[in-house]
């Protein structure tokens, strides 16, 4: 960085990217629980991993959003994948390693990763 003007340009570019990701139209929304319990369980690295995978794969039809407490602290980090038709799939105890599979299998190829799903009796 050579000048304050260059720093401002970088700031504006990153700000626009975040606004696009959070407010832009998308076919698929990934909602990450970011309440205190989620953060304590590792939700921040999970959100970062989703954003990284989306960027690396250039998935312009996917956006990530954060939400507060989902109410099932023992299953955090919790992630919902919501498709344009409103169908929601909930993944629990998500890790950055699981994110790679969720993006590759579910987001890209449309196949739900069954072993990461919320148990039926939760």
N, C-alpha and C. Protein backbone atom coordinates (compact mmCIF):
# COMPACT_ATOMS: atom_id res chain seq x y z
N UNK A 1 0.84 -1.16 0.00
CA UNK A 1 0.00 0.00 0.00
C UNK A 1 0.90 1.23 0.00
N UNK A 2 0.61 2.13 -0.91
CA UNK A 2 1.50 3.27 -1.09
C UNK A 2 0.90 4.58 -0.62
N UNK A 3 -0.43 4.62 -0.45
CA UNK A 3 -1.04 5.88 -0.05
C UNK A 3 -2.34 5.64 0.69
N UNK A 4 -2.81 6.70 1.33
CA UNK A 4 -4.10 6.65 2.01
C UNK A 4 -5.23 6.43 1.02
N UNK A 5 -5.12 7.00 -0.16
CA UNK A 5 -6.14 6.83 -1.21
C UNK A 5 -6.24 5.36 -1.62
N UNK A 6 -5.11 4.69 -1.71
CA UNK A 6 -5.12 3.26 -2.06
C UNK A 6 -5.80 2.45 -0.95
N UNK A 7 -5.53 2.81 0.30
CA UNK A 7 -6.18 2.15 1.42
C UNK A 7 -7.70 2.36 1.35
N UNK A 8 -8.14 3.55 1.03
CA UNK A 8 -9.58 3.82 0.90
C UNK A 8 -10.20 3.01 -0.24
N UNK A 9 -9.49 2.85 -1.34
CA UNK A 9 -9.99 2.04 -2.45
C UNK A 9 -10.16 0.58 -2.04
N UNK A 10 -9.18 0.06 -1.32
CA UNK A 10 -9.26 -1.32 -0.84
C UNK A 10 -10.44 -1.47 0.12
N UNK A 11 -10.60 -0.50 1.01
CA UNK A 11 -11.71 -0.53 1.96
C UNK A 11 -13.05 -0.53 1.22
N UNK A 12 -13.22 0.32 0.25
CA UNK A 12 -14.47 0.40 -0.50
C UNK A 12 -14.74 -0.89 -1.28
N UNK A 13 -13.70 -1.45 -1.88
CA UNK A 13 -13.86 -2.70 -2.63
C UNK A 13 -14.32 -3.82 -1.71
N UNK A 14 -13.68 -3.95 -0.54
CA UNK A 14 -14.06 -5.00 0.41
C UNK A 14 -15.45 -4.75 0.99
N UNK A 15 -15.77 -3.50 1.24
CA UNK A 15 -17.10 -3.15 1.74
C UNK A 15 -18.17 -3.53 0.72
N UNK A 16 -17.92 -3.27 -0.54
CA UNK A 16 -18.86 -3.64 -1.60
C UNK A 16 -19.01 -5.15 -1.71
N UNK A 17 -17.92 -5.88 -1.57
CA UNK A 17 -17.98 -7.35 -1.62
C UNK A 17 -18.83 -7.89 -0.48
N UNK A 18 -18.66 -7.35 0.73
CA UNK A 18 -19.44 -7.79 1.88
C UNK A 18 -20.91 -7.45 1.67
N UNK A 19 -21.21 -6.24 1.21
CA UNK A 19 -22.59 -5.85 0.95
C UNK A 19 -23.23 -6.73 -0.11
N UNK A 20 -22.49 -7.05 -1.14
CA UNK A 20 -23.00 -7.92 -2.20
C UNK A 20 -23.32 -9.30 -1.64
N UNK A 21 -22.41 -9.82 -0.82
CA UNK A 21 -22.59 -11.15 -0.25
C UNK A 21 -23.78 -11.18 0.70
N UNK A 22 -23.94 -10.13 1.52
CA UNK A 22 -24.99 -10.14 2.53
C UNK A 22 -26.33 -9.65 2.01
N UNK A 23 -26.35 -8.75 1.04
CA UNK A 23 -27.61 -8.15 0.60
C UNK A 23 -27.99 -8.47 -0.84
N UNK A 24 -27.09 -9.08 -1.56
CA UNK A 24 -27.37 -9.38 -2.96
C UNK A 24 -28.36 -10.51 -3.12
N UNK A 25 -28.93 -10.60 -4.29
CA UNK A 25 -29.84 -11.70 -4.59
C UNK A 25 -29.02 -12.98 -4.72
N UNK A 26 -29.56 -14.04 -4.18
CA UNK A 26 -28.87 -15.32 -4.26
C UNK A 26 -29.90 -16.43 -4.37
N UNK A 27 -29.49 -17.50 -5.00
CA UNK A 27 -30.35 -18.67 -5.10
C UNK A 27 -30.32 -19.48 -3.81
N UNK A 28 -29.18 -19.53 -3.16
CA UNK A 28 -29.00 -20.34 -1.97
C UNK A 28 -28.47 -19.45 -0.84
N UNK A 29 -29.10 -19.57 0.34
CA UNK A 29 -28.62 -18.85 1.52
C UNK A 29 -28.07 -19.84 2.52
N UNK A 30 -26.91 -19.51 3.07
CA UNK A 30 -26.30 -20.31 4.13
C UNK A 30 -26.37 -19.46 5.39
N UNK A 31 -27.11 -19.95 6.39
CA UNK A 31 -27.33 -19.20 7.62
C UNK A 31 -26.54 -19.87 8.74
N UNK A 32 -25.63 -19.10 9.33
CA UNK A 32 -24.76 -19.63 10.39
C UNK A 32 -25.17 -19.00 11.72
N UNK A 33 -25.44 -19.85 12.71
CA UNK A 33 -25.78 -19.37 14.05
C UNK A 33 -24.56 -18.76 14.71
N UNK A 34 -24.64 -17.44 14.98
CA UNK A 34 -23.49 -16.72 15.52
C UNK A 34 -23.80 -16.08 16.87
N UNK A 35 -24.67 -16.72 17.68
CA UNK A 35 -24.86 -16.25 19.05
C UNK A 35 -23.64 -16.67 19.87
N UNK A 36 -23.63 -16.29 21.12
CA UNK A 36 -22.48 -16.61 21.97
C UNK A 36 -22.17 -18.10 21.99
N UNK A 37 -23.21 -18.92 22.08
CA UNK A 37 -22.97 -20.38 22.12
C UNK A 37 -22.38 -20.88 20.81
N UNK A 38 -22.86 -20.35 19.70
CA UNK A 38 -22.33 -20.74 18.40
C UNK A 38 -20.87 -20.34 18.24
N UNK A 39 -20.58 -19.11 18.62
CA UNK A 39 -19.21 -18.61 18.52
C UNK A 39 -18.28 -19.44 19.41
N UNK A 40 -18.74 -19.73 20.64
CA UNK A 40 -17.93 -20.53 21.57
C UNK A 40 -17.67 -21.93 21.01
N UNK A 41 -18.62 -22.44 20.23
CA UNK A 41 -18.47 -23.79 19.66
C UNK A 41 -17.69 -23.80 18.35
N UNK A 42 -17.34 -22.62 17.83
CA UNK A 42 -16.52 -22.57 16.62
C UNK A 42 -17.22 -22.07 15.37
N UNK A 43 -18.31 -21.30 15.52
CA UNK A 43 -19.06 -20.82 14.37
C UNK A 43 -18.27 -19.82 13.51
N UNK A 44 -17.42 -19.03 14.13
CA UNK A 44 -16.68 -18.03 13.34
C UNK A 44 -15.78 -18.68 12.29
N UNK A 45 -14.97 -19.69 12.63
CA UNK A 45 -14.18 -20.37 11.59
C UNK A 45 -15.06 -21.08 10.56
N UNK A 46 -16.24 -21.53 10.97
CA UNK A 46 -17.17 -22.17 10.03
C UNK A 46 -17.67 -21.14 9.02
N UNK A 47 -18.08 -19.97 9.48
CA UNK A 47 -18.52 -18.90 8.58
C UNK A 47 -17.40 -18.50 7.64
N UNK A 48 -16.20 -18.37 8.18
CA UNK A 48 -15.04 -18.02 7.35
C UNK A 48 -14.78 -19.09 6.29
N UNK A 49 -14.92 -20.36 6.67
CA UNK A 49 -14.71 -21.46 5.72
C UNK A 49 -15.76 -21.43 4.61
N UNK A 50 -17.02 -21.16 4.95
CA UNK A 50 -18.06 -21.06 3.92
C UNK A 50 -17.73 -19.92 2.96
N UNK A 51 -17.38 -18.75 3.49
CA UNK A 51 -17.05 -17.62 2.62
C UNK A 51 -15.86 -17.93 1.73
N UNK A 52 -14.88 -18.63 2.28
CA UNK A 52 -13.70 -19.01 1.50
C UNK A 52 -14.08 -19.96 0.36
N UNK A 53 -14.84 -21.00 0.68
CA UNK A 53 -15.25 -21.98 -0.35
C UNK A 53 -16.10 -21.31 -1.43
N UNK A 54 -16.98 -20.42 -1.02
CA UNK A 54 -17.82 -19.71 -1.99
C UNK A 54 -16.96 -18.86 -2.92
N UNK A 55 -15.98 -18.17 -2.34
CA UNK A 55 -15.09 -17.32 -3.15
C UNK A 55 -14.22 -18.15 -4.07
N UNK A 56 -13.61 -19.22 -3.54
CA UNK A 56 -12.71 -20.05 -4.33
C UNK A 56 -13.45 -20.69 -5.51
N UNK A 57 -14.67 -21.13 -5.26
CA UNK A 57 -15.46 -21.79 -6.30
C UNK A 57 -16.24 -20.80 -7.17
N UNK A 58 -16.14 -19.50 -6.81
CA UNK A 58 -16.83 -18.44 -7.56
C UNK A 58 -18.33 -18.72 -7.68
N UNK A 59 -18.95 -19.02 -6.53
CA UNK A 59 -20.37 -19.33 -6.49
C UNK A 59 -21.17 -18.05 -6.27
N UNK A 60 -21.51 -17.40 -7.34
CA UNK A 60 -22.21 -16.11 -7.25
C UNK A 60 -23.66 -16.26 -6.84
N UNK A 61 -24.20 -17.47 -6.86
CA UNK A 61 -25.59 -17.70 -6.51
C UNK A 61 -25.78 -18.08 -5.04
N UNK A 62 -24.72 -17.95 -4.24
CA UNK A 62 -24.77 -18.35 -2.84
C UNK A 62 -24.35 -17.17 -1.97
N UNK A 63 -25.10 -16.95 -0.87
CA UNK A 63 -24.67 -15.92 0.08
C UNK A 63 -24.74 -16.48 1.49
N UNK A 64 -23.89 -15.96 2.35
CA UNK A 64 -23.89 -16.35 3.75
C UNK A 64 -24.50 -15.23 4.57
N UNK A 65 -25.24 -15.61 5.59
CA UNK A 65 -25.79 -14.64 6.53
C UNK A 65 -25.62 -15.21 7.93
N UNK A 66 -25.66 -14.31 8.90
CA UNK A 66 -25.52 -14.72 10.29
C UNK A 66 -26.88 -14.58 10.98
N UNK A 67 -27.09 -15.38 11.99
CA UNK A 67 -28.29 -15.27 12.80
C UNK A 67 -27.90 -15.42 14.26
N UNK A 68 -28.83 -15.11 15.14
CA UNK A 68 -28.58 -15.23 16.57
C UNK A 68 -28.82 -16.65 17.05
N UNK A 69 -29.27 -16.75 18.28
CA UNK A 69 -29.46 -18.05 18.92
C UNK A 69 -30.55 -18.85 18.23
N UNK A 70 -30.24 -20.09 17.95
CA UNK A 70 -31.19 -21.00 17.32
C UNK A 70 -31.89 -21.84 18.40
N UNK A 71 -31.32 -21.90 19.60
CA UNK A 71 -31.96 -22.56 20.72
C UNK A 71 -31.51 -23.98 20.98
N UNK A 72 -30.52 -24.45 20.27
CA UNK A 72 -30.03 -25.82 20.49
C UNK A 72 -28.52 -25.78 20.68
N UNK A 73 -28.12 -25.18 21.77
CA UNK A 73 -26.70 -24.91 22.01
C UNK A 73 -25.82 -26.15 21.93
N UNK A 74 -26.34 -27.28 22.35
CA UNK A 74 -25.53 -28.50 22.37
C UNK A 74 -25.19 -29.00 20.97
N UNK A 75 -25.87 -28.47 19.94
CA UNK A 75 -25.63 -28.91 18.57
C UNK A 75 -24.82 -27.89 17.75
N UNK A 76 -24.40 -26.81 18.39
CA UNK A 76 -23.65 -25.77 17.69
C UNK A 76 -22.28 -26.28 17.25
N UNK A 77 -21.73 -25.68 16.23
CA UNK A 77 -22.26 -24.70 15.29
C UNK A 77 -23.35 -25.31 14.40
N UNK A 78 -24.44 -24.56 14.25
CA UNK A 78 -25.57 -24.97 13.43
C UNK A 78 -25.60 -24.12 12.17
N UNK A 79 -25.86 -24.78 11.04
CA UNK A 79 -25.91 -24.10 9.74
C UNK A 79 -27.16 -24.56 9.01
N UNK A 80 -27.93 -23.59 8.52
CA UNK A 80 -29.07 -23.89 7.65
C UNK A 80 -28.69 -23.57 6.22
N UNK A 81 -29.05 -24.45 5.31
CA UNK A 81 -28.91 -24.20 3.87
C UNK A 81 -30.33 -24.07 3.34
N UNK A 82 -30.65 -22.90 2.79
CA UNK A 82 -32.00 -22.63 2.32
C UNK A 82 -31.96 -22.39 0.81
N UNK A 83 -32.74 -23.19 0.10
CA UNK A 83 -32.79 -23.08 -1.36
C UNK A 83 -33.88 -22.10 -1.77
N UNK A 84 -33.89 -21.67 -3.04
CA UNK A 84 -34.86 -20.67 -3.49
C UNK A 84 -36.32 -21.07 -3.28
N UNK A 85 -36.59 -22.36 -3.26
CA UNK A 85 -37.97 -22.82 -3.05
C UNK A 85 -38.36 -22.82 -1.57
N UNK A 86 -37.44 -22.36 -0.70
CA UNK A 86 -37.73 -22.26 0.73
C UNK A 86 -37.41 -23.49 1.54
N UNK A 87 -36.94 -24.54 0.90
CA UNK A 87 -36.59 -25.76 1.64
C UNK A 87 -35.33 -25.51 2.45
N UNK A 88 -35.37 -25.97 3.70
CA UNK A 88 -34.25 -25.73 4.61
C UNK A 88 -33.68 -27.06 5.08
N UNK A 89 -32.36 -27.16 5.04
CA UNK A 89 -31.64 -28.32 5.55
C UNK A 89 -30.75 -27.79 6.68
N UNK A 90 -30.82 -28.46 7.84
CA UNK A 90 -30.05 -28.01 9.00
C UNK A 90 -28.92 -28.99 9.29
N UNK A 91 -27.71 -28.44 9.29
CA UNK A 91 -26.52 -29.21 9.64
C UNK A 91 -26.08 -28.82 11.05
N UNK A 92 -25.58 -29.79 11.82
CA UNK A 92 -25.18 -29.52 13.20
C UNK A 92 -23.74 -29.94 13.43
N UNK A 93 -23.19 -29.34 14.48
CA UNK A 93 -21.79 -29.60 14.87
C UNK A 93 -20.87 -29.47 13.65
N UNK A 94 -21.08 -28.38 12.93
CA UNK A 94 -20.33 -28.13 11.70
C UNK A 94 -18.92 -27.66 12.04
N UNK A 95 -17.96 -28.14 11.29
CA UNK A 95 -16.56 -27.74 11.42
C UNK A 95 -16.10 -27.20 10.06
N UNK A 96 -14.98 -26.49 10.02
CA UNK A 96 -14.47 -26.03 8.73
C UNK A 96 -14.22 -27.20 7.76
N UNK A 97 -13.84 -28.36 8.28
CA UNK A 97 -13.63 -29.52 7.42
C UNK A 97 -14.95 -30.01 6.82
N UNK A 98 -16.00 -29.98 7.60
CA UNK A 98 -17.32 -30.37 7.11
C UNK A 98 -17.84 -29.39 6.07
N UNK A 99 -17.47 -28.13 6.21
CA UNK A 99 -17.90 -27.09 5.26
C UNK A 99 -17.50 -27.47 3.83
N UNK A 100 -16.29 -27.97 3.67
CA UNK A 100 -15.81 -28.34 2.33
C UNK A 100 -16.74 -29.37 1.70
N UNK A 101 -17.14 -30.37 2.47
CA UNK A 101 -18.07 -31.40 1.94
C UNK A 101 -19.45 -30.83 1.70
N UNK A 102 -19.94 -29.99 2.61
CA UNK A 102 -21.27 -29.42 2.44
C UNK A 102 -21.33 -28.60 1.16
N UNK A 103 -20.31 -27.79 0.93
CA UNK A 103 -20.29 -26.98 -0.29
C UNK A 103 -20.18 -27.87 -1.52
N UNK A 104 -19.23 -28.80 -1.51
CA UNK A 104 -19.02 -29.66 -2.69
C UNK A 104 -20.23 -30.53 -2.99
N UNK A 105 -20.77 -31.18 -1.98
CA UNK A 105 -21.84 -32.14 -2.22
C UNK A 105 -23.22 -31.49 -2.28
N UNK A 106 -23.54 -30.64 -1.30
CA UNK A 106 -24.88 -30.08 -1.24
C UNK A 106 -25.04 -28.83 -2.11
N UNK A 107 -24.18 -27.85 -1.91
CA UNK A 107 -24.33 -26.58 -2.62
C UNK A 107 -24.06 -26.76 -4.11
N UNK A 108 -22.99 -27.42 -4.46
CA UNK A 108 -22.61 -27.56 -5.88
C UNK A 108 -23.39 -28.68 -6.57
N UNK A 109 -23.51 -29.84 -5.91
CA UNK A 109 -24.10 -31.01 -6.58
C UNK A 109 -25.52 -31.36 -6.13
N UNK A 110 -26.07 -30.63 -5.16
CA UNK A 110 -27.45 -30.85 -4.75
C UNK A 110 -27.72 -32.10 -3.95
N UNK A 111 -26.66 -32.72 -3.40
CA UNK A 111 -26.83 -33.95 -2.61
C UNK A 111 -26.60 -33.62 -1.13
N UNK A 112 -27.64 -33.79 -0.33
CA UNK A 112 -27.56 -33.49 1.10
C UNK A 112 -26.57 -34.45 1.77
N UNK A 113 -25.76 -33.90 2.67
CA UNK A 113 -24.77 -34.71 3.41
C UNK A 113 -25.47 -35.23 4.66
N UNK A 114 -26.06 -36.41 4.55
CA UNK A 114 -26.93 -36.97 5.60
C UNK A 114 -26.26 -37.09 6.97
N UNK A 115 -25.00 -37.47 7.01
CA UNK A 115 -24.37 -37.71 8.32
C UNK A 115 -24.13 -36.44 9.12
N UNK A 116 -24.28 -35.25 8.51
CA UNK A 116 -24.11 -33.99 9.23
C UNK A 116 -25.44 -33.37 9.63
N UNK A 117 -26.55 -34.02 9.32
CA UNK A 117 -27.87 -33.46 9.58
C UNK A 117 -28.24 -33.49 11.06
N UNK A 118 -29.20 -32.61 11.42
CA UNK A 118 -29.71 -32.59 12.77
C UNK A 118 -30.42 -33.92 13.03
N UNK A 119 -30.16 -34.54 14.20
CA UNK A 119 -30.85 -35.78 14.54
C UNK A 119 -32.36 -35.55 14.61
N UNK A 120 -33.15 -36.55 14.29
CA UNK A 120 -34.60 -36.42 14.24
C UNK A 120 -35.22 -36.13 15.60
N UNK A 121 -34.59 -36.54 16.68
CA UNK A 121 -35.17 -36.37 18.02
C UNK A 121 -34.63 -35.17 18.76
N UNK A 122 -34.17 -34.15 18.07
CA UNK A 122 -33.57 -33.00 18.75
C UNK A 122 -34.58 -32.07 19.25
